[in-house]
């Protein structure tokens, strides 16, 4: 559960354009502690949830709804103005390139095996 909440907090933070340092400073904690919270490595208290929600300008339910399986609309654009769809497109292109590279390597190795 901590990991799910952490991912949701990170997503909200990035969509608002905050850095981990900025959030940690406003929460009066270290960046390392805040990073562990986002990664789900430590248990998050209700007081911490309230603090994060206040800093991000959202309701606690906006953070915890991902645990309750309430559908959330993902932000269409990130702070760096890159579309999430562009990220998926880039990922798919890399996967296709990897597939063809492996295919080419497979055929080159197989060609040697057949000729021997």
N, C-alpha and C. Protein backbone atom coordinates (compact mmCIF):
# COMPACT_ATOMS: atom_id res chain seq x y z
N UNK A 1 0.82 -1.19 0.00
CA UNK A 1 0.00 0.00 0.00
C UNK A 1 0.87 1.26 0.00
N UNK A 2 1.97 1.23 0.75
CA UNK A 2 2.85 2.41 0.81
C UNK A 2 3.37 2.77 -0.58
N UNK A 3 3.70 1.76 -1.37
CA UNK A 3 4.23 2.01 -2.70
C UNK A 3 3.18 2.66 -3.59
N UNK A 4 1.93 2.22 -3.48
CA UNK A 4 0.85 2.79 -4.29
C UNK A 4 0.62 4.24 -3.93
N UNK A 5 0.57 4.53 -2.64
CA UNK A 5 0.39 5.91 -2.19
C UNK A 5 1.59 6.76 -2.61
N UNK A 6 2.78 6.21 -2.49
CA UNK A 6 3.98 6.93 -2.88
C UNK A 6 3.99 7.30 -4.35
N UNK A 7 3.58 6.36 -5.19
CA UNK A 7 3.51 6.63 -6.64
C UNK A 7 2.50 7.73 -6.91
N UNK A 8 1.38 7.69 -6.22
CA UNK A 8 0.34 8.72 -6.41
C UNK A 8 0.86 10.08 -5.97
N UNK A 9 1.56 10.14 -4.86
CA UNK A 9 2.13 11.41 -4.38
C UNK A 9 3.13 11.94 -5.39
N UNK A 10 3.97 11.07 -5.89
CA UNK A 10 4.97 11.50 -6.88
C UNK A 10 4.28 12.04 -8.13
N UNK A 11 3.26 11.35 -8.58
CA UNK A 11 2.53 11.78 -9.78
C UNK A 11 1.92 13.16 -9.56
N UNK A 12 1.30 13.36 -8.41
CA UNK A 12 0.71 14.66 -8.11
C UNK A 12 1.78 15.74 -8.00
N UNK A 13 2.90 15.40 -7.35
CA UNK A 13 3.99 16.38 -7.20
C UNK A 13 4.51 16.80 -8.56
N UNK A 14 4.76 15.84 -9.43
CA UNK A 14 5.29 16.15 -10.75
C UNK A 14 4.30 16.94 -11.58
N UNK A 15 3.01 16.62 -11.46
CA UNK A 15 2.01 17.35 -12.23
C UNK A 15 1.88 18.80 -11.77
N UNK A 16 2.22 19.05 -10.50
CA UNK A 16 2.18 20.42 -9.97
C UNK A 16 3.49 21.15 -10.20
N UNK A 17 4.52 20.44 -10.64
CA UNK A 17 5.80 21.07 -10.95
C UNK A 17 6.71 21.31 -9.75
N UNK A 18 6.49 20.56 -8.68
CA UNK A 18 7.34 20.70 -7.49
C UNK A 18 8.49 19.71 -7.53
N UNK A 19 9.58 20.06 -6.87
CA UNK A 19 10.68 19.12 -6.68
C UNK A 19 10.52 18.47 -5.30
N UNK A 20 11.25 17.38 -5.10
CA UNK A 20 11.21 16.73 -3.78
C UNK A 20 11.72 17.68 -2.70
N UNK A 21 12.73 18.47 -3.03
CA UNK A 21 13.29 19.41 -2.07
C UNK A 21 12.26 20.43 -1.62
N UNK A 22 11.47 20.94 -2.57
CA UNK A 22 10.47 21.95 -2.24
C UNK A 22 9.40 21.38 -1.31
N UNK A 23 8.93 20.18 -1.61
CA UNK A 23 7.91 19.56 -0.78
C UNK A 23 8.47 19.26 0.61
N UNK A 24 9.67 18.70 0.66
CA UNK A 24 10.28 18.36 1.95
C UNK A 24 10.46 19.61 2.81
N UNK A 25 10.88 20.69 2.19
CA UNK A 25 11.08 21.93 2.94
C UNK A 25 9.77 22.43 3.52
N UNK A 26 8.70 22.37 2.75
CA UNK A 26 7.40 22.83 3.23
C UNK A 26 6.81 21.90 4.29
N UNK A 27 7.24 20.63 4.26
CA UNK A 27 6.79 19.67 5.27
C UNK A 27 7.69 19.65 6.50
N UNK A 28 8.78 20.41 6.46
CA UNK A 28 9.77 20.43 7.55
C UNK A 28 10.38 19.05 7.79
N UNK A 29 10.78 18.39 6.70
CA UNK A 29 11.49 17.12 6.82
C UNK A 29 12.62 17.11 5.79
N UNK A 30 13.47 16.13 5.88
CA UNK A 30 14.59 16.05 4.93
C UNK A 30 14.11 15.54 3.57
N UNK A 31 14.87 15.86 2.54
CA UNK A 31 14.53 15.38 1.21
C UNK A 31 14.61 13.86 1.17
N UNK A 32 15.58 13.29 1.89
CA UNK A 32 15.76 11.84 1.91
C UNK A 32 14.53 11.15 2.50
N UNK A 33 14.00 11.71 3.59
CA UNK A 33 12.81 11.12 4.20
C UNK A 33 11.63 11.22 3.24
N UNK A 34 11.50 12.37 2.60
CA UNK A 34 10.40 12.54 1.65
C UNK A 34 10.56 11.56 0.48
N UNK A 35 11.79 11.37 0.00
CA UNK A 35 12.04 10.44 -1.11
C UNK A 35 11.67 9.01 -0.70
N UNK A 36 12.00 8.63 0.53
CA UNK A 36 11.62 7.29 1.01
C UNK A 36 10.10 7.15 1.10
N UNK A 37 9.43 8.23 1.42
CA UNK A 37 7.97 8.24 1.48
C UNK A 37 7.39 8.00 0.08
N UNK A 38 7.93 8.70 -0.93
CA UNK A 38 7.47 8.54 -2.31
C UNK A 38 7.76 7.14 -2.83
N UNK A 39 8.85 6.54 -2.40
CA UNK A 39 9.21 5.20 -2.87
C UNK A 39 8.47 4.11 -2.11
N UNK A 40 7.75 4.48 -1.06
CA UNK A 40 7.01 3.50 -0.28
C UNK A 40 7.86 2.71 0.67
N UNK A 41 9.04 3.22 0.99
CA UNK A 41 9.96 2.50 1.88
C UNK A 41 9.62 2.69 3.34
N UNK A 42 8.86 3.74 3.66
CA UNK A 42 8.45 3.97 5.04
C UNK A 42 6.93 4.12 5.09
N UNK A 43 6.37 3.81 6.25
CA UNK A 43 4.94 3.97 6.43
C UNK A 43 4.60 5.45 6.48
N UNK A 44 3.51 5.81 5.83
CA UNK A 44 3.09 7.21 5.84
C UNK A 44 1.97 7.38 6.85
N UNK A 45 2.14 8.34 7.72
CA UNK A 45 1.12 8.60 8.73
C UNK A 45 0.04 9.49 8.14
N UNK A 46 -1.10 9.52 8.81
CA UNK A 46 -2.19 10.37 8.35
C UNK A 46 -1.78 11.83 8.42
N UNK A 47 -0.98 12.18 9.42
CA UNK A 47 -0.50 13.57 9.54
C UNK A 47 0.37 13.93 8.34
N UNK A 48 1.20 12.99 7.89
CA UNK A 48 2.04 13.23 6.72
C UNK A 48 1.19 13.35 5.46
N UNK A 49 0.16 12.52 5.37
CA UNK A 49 -0.76 12.61 4.22
C UNK A 49 -1.42 13.99 4.17
N UNK A 50 -1.84 14.47 5.31
CA UNK A 50 -2.47 15.79 5.38
C UNK A 50 -1.47 16.87 4.97
N UNK A 51 -0.24 16.77 5.46
CA UNK A 51 0.79 17.76 5.13
C UNK A 51 1.09 17.76 3.63
N UNK A 52 1.23 16.58 3.03
CA UNK A 52 1.50 16.49 1.60
C UNK A 52 0.33 17.07 0.81
N UNK A 53 -0.87 16.72 1.21
CA UNK A 53 -2.07 17.21 0.52
C UNK A 53 -2.15 18.74 0.57
N UNK A 54 -1.84 19.31 1.72
CA UNK A 54 -1.87 20.77 1.86
C UNK A 54 -0.83 21.43 0.97
N UNK A 55 0.37 20.89 0.96
CA UNK A 55 1.44 21.45 0.15
C UNK A 55 1.09 21.37 -1.33
N UNK A 56 0.51 20.25 -1.75
CA UNK A 56 0.17 20.06 -3.16
C UNK A 56 -1.15 20.73 -3.55
N UNK A 57 -1.91 21.16 -2.54
CA UNK A 57 -3.19 21.82 -2.82
C UNK A 57 -4.26 20.85 -3.29
N UNK A 58 -4.23 19.63 -2.74
CA UNK A 58 -5.23 18.61 -3.09
C UNK A 58 -5.85 18.08 -1.80
N UNK A 59 -6.90 17.26 -1.95
CA UNK A 59 -7.52 16.62 -0.79
C UNK A 59 -6.79 15.30 -0.52
N UNK A 60 -6.83 14.86 0.71
CA UNK A 60 -6.22 13.58 1.09
C UNK A 60 -6.82 12.46 0.25
N UNK A 61 -8.11 12.54 -0.05
CA UNK A 61 -8.78 11.53 -0.86
C UNK A 61 -8.18 11.44 -2.26
N UNK A 62 -7.66 12.56 -2.77
CA UNK A 62 -7.02 12.53 -4.08
C UNK A 62 -5.77 11.66 -4.06
N UNK A 63 -5.14 11.58 -2.91
CA UNK A 63 -3.93 10.75 -2.77
C UNK A 63 -4.32 9.30 -2.50
N UNK A 64 -5.24 9.11 -1.57
CA UNK A 64 -5.57 7.75 -1.14
C UNK A 64 -6.55 7.04 -2.07
N UNK A 65 -7.17 7.76 -2.98
CA UNK A 65 -8.14 7.13 -3.88
C UNK A 65 -7.50 6.06 -4.75
N UNK A 66 -6.19 6.19 -5.03
CA UNK A 66 -5.52 5.17 -5.83
C UNK A 66 -5.47 3.84 -5.09
N UNK A 67 -5.46 3.89 -3.76
CA UNK A 67 -5.49 2.67 -2.96
C UNK A 67 -6.90 2.08 -2.96
N UNK A 68 -7.90 2.96 -2.98
CA UNK A 68 -9.29 2.53 -2.94
C UNK A 68 -9.83 2.18 -4.32
N UNK A 69 -8.95 2.17 -5.33
CA UNK A 69 -9.30 1.85 -6.71
C UNK A 69 -10.33 2.79 -7.32
N UNK A 70 -10.32 4.04 -6.89
CA UNK A 70 -11.16 5.04 -7.52
C UNK A 70 -10.36 5.57 -8.70
N UNK A 71 -11.00 5.60 -9.86
CA UNK A 71 -10.26 6.00 -11.05
C UNK A 71 -9.82 7.46 -10.95
N UNK A 72 -8.61 7.69 -11.39
CA UNK A 72 -8.03 9.03 -11.39
C UNK A 72 -7.65 9.38 -12.81
N UNK A 73 -7.90 10.60 -13.19
CA UNK A 73 -7.47 11.06 -14.50
C UNK A 73 -6.02 11.49 -14.38
N UNK A 74 -5.15 10.87 -15.19
CA UNK A 74 -3.74 11.22 -15.17
C UNK A 74 -3.54 12.54 -15.89
N UNK A 75 -2.60 13.35 -15.44
CA UNK A 75 -2.34 14.60 -16.14
C UNK A 75 -1.86 14.33 -17.56
N UNK A 76 -2.35 15.10 -18.51
CA UNK A 76 -1.97 14.91 -19.90
C UNK A 76 -0.57 15.44 -20.19
N UNK A 77 -0.11 16.40 -19.39
CA UNK A 77 1.20 16.98 -19.63
C UNK A 77 1.98 17.04 -18.34
N UNK A 78 3.25 16.84 -18.45
CA UNK A 78 4.13 16.91 -17.29
C UNK A 78 4.68 18.31 -17.14
N UNK A 79 5.40 18.53 -16.09
CA UNK A 79 5.95 19.86 -15.82
C UNK A 79 6.90 20.32 -16.92
N UNK A 80 7.58 19.38 -17.56
CA UNK A 80 8.52 19.74 -18.62
C UNK A 80 7.84 19.83 -19.98
N UNK A 81 6.50 19.88 -19.97
CA UNK A 81 5.67 20.05 -21.17
C UNK A 81 5.74 18.87 -22.13
N UNK A 82 6.19 17.72 -21.68
CA UNK A 82 6.17 16.53 -22.52
C UNK A 82 4.88 15.78 -22.27
N UNK A 83 4.27 15.34 -23.30
CA UNK A 83 3.04 14.58 -23.22
C UNK A 83 3.35 13.16 -22.75
N UNK A 84 2.46 12.60 -21.96
CA UNK A 84 2.63 11.22 -21.52
C UNK A 84 2.56 10.30 -22.74
N UNK A 85 1.69 10.64 -23.71
CA UNK A 85 1.59 9.84 -24.90
C UNK A 85 2.92 9.81 -25.66
N UNK A 86 3.65 10.92 -25.67
CA UNK A 86 4.95 10.95 -26.31
C UNK A 86 5.91 9.98 -25.63
N UNK A 87 5.83 9.91 -24.29
CA UNK A 87 6.66 8.97 -23.55
C UNK A 87 6.34 7.53 -23.96
N UNK A 88 5.05 7.21 -24.08
CA UNK A 88 4.65 5.86 -24.47
C UNK A 88 5.09 5.57 -25.90
N UNK A 89 4.95 6.56 -26.77
CA UNK A 89 5.38 6.39 -28.15
C UNK A 89 6.88 6.12 -28.22
N UNK A 90 7.65 6.89 -27.45
CA UNK A 90 9.10 6.70 -27.43
C UNK A 90 9.45 5.32 -26.89
N UNK A 91 8.76 4.88 -25.86
CA UNK A 91 8.99 3.56 -25.27
C UNK A 91 8.70 2.47 -26.29
N UNK A 92 7.60 2.58 -27.00
CA UNK A 92 7.23 1.59 -28.00
C UNK A 92 8.27 1.56 -29.12
N UNK A 93 8.72 2.73 -29.54
CA UNK A 93 9.76 2.78 -30.58
C UNK A 93 11.03 2.08 -30.13
N UNK A 94 11.43 2.29 -28.89
CA UNK A 94 12.62 1.64 -28.36
C UNK A 94 12.44 0.13 -28.31
N UNK A 95 11.23 -0.31 -27.94
CA UNK A 95 10.96 -1.75 -27.91
C UNK A 95 11.04 -2.36 -29.31
N UNK A 96 10.49 -1.65 -30.30
CA UNK A 96 10.54 -2.15 -31.68
C UNK A 96 11.98 -2.21 -32.16
N UNK A 97 12.76 -1.16 -31.88
CA UNK A 97 14.17 -1.15 -32.27
C UNK A 97 14.92 -2.32 -31.62
N UNK A 98 14.63 -2.57 -30.36
CA UNK A 98 15.27 -3.67 -29.65
C UNK A 98 14.89 -5.00 -30.28
N UNK A 99 13.61 -5.15 -30.61
CA UNK A 99 13.13 -6.37 -31.25
C UNK A 99 13.88 -6.63 -32.56
N UNK A 100 13.97 -5.60 -33.41
CA UNK A 100 14.64 -5.77 -34.69
C UNK A 100 16.14 -6.03 -34.52
N UNK A 101 16.74 -5.40 -33.52
CA UNK A 101 18.17 -5.66 -33.27
C UNK A 101 18.37 -7.12 -32.86
N UNK A 102 17.51 -7.62 -31.98
CA UNK A 102 17.61 -9.02 -31.56
C UNK A 102 17.31 -9.97 -32.72
N UNK A 103 16.34 -9.59 -33.53
CA UNK A 103 15.99 -10.43 -34.68
C UNK A 103 17.16 -10.52 -35.65
N UNK A 104 17.79 -9.36 -35.90
CA UNK A 104 18.94 -9.34 -36.82
C UNK A 104 20.08 -10.18 -36.25
N UNK A 105 20.34 -10.05 -34.96
CA UNK A 105 21.38 -10.84 -34.31
C UNK A 105 21.05 -12.33 -34.38
N UNK A 106 19.80 -12.68 -34.13
CA UNK A 106 19.36 -14.07 -34.18
C UNK A 106 19.60 -14.65 -35.57
N UNK A 107 19.19 -13.91 -36.60
CA UNK A 107 19.35 -14.41 -37.96
C UNK A 107 20.82 -14.52 -38.35
N UNK A 108 21.65 -13.59 -37.88
CA UNK A 108 23.07 -13.68 -38.21
C UNK A 108 23.72 -14.89 -37.54
N UNK A 109 23.35 -15.18 -36.33
CA UNK A 109 23.87 -16.35 -35.62
C UNK A 109 23.32 -17.63 -36.25
N UNK A 110 22.06 -17.64 -36.55
CA UNK A 110 21.43 -18.81 -37.14
C UNK A 110 22.00 -19.10 -38.51
N UNK A 111 22.31 -18.07 -39.28
CA UNK A 111 22.89 -18.24 -40.61
C UNK A 111 24.23 -18.97 -40.51
N UNK A 112 25.02 -18.62 -39.49
CA UNK A 112 26.31 -19.27 -39.29
C UNK A 112 26.10 -20.73 -38.94
N UNK A 113 25.11 -21.00 -38.06
CA UNK A 113 24.82 -22.38 -37.64
C UNK A 113 24.38 -23.24 -38.83
N UNK A 114 23.56 -22.70 -39.70
CA UNK A 114 23.04 -23.44 -40.84
C UNK A 114 24.14 -23.77 -41.83
N UNK A 115 25.08 -22.83 -42.03
CA UNK A 115 26.15 -23.02 -42.99
C UNK A 115 27.21 -24.01 -42.52
N UNK A 116 27.28 -24.25 -41.23
CA UNK A 116 28.33 -25.16 -40.72
C UNK A 116 27.97 -26.57 -40.84
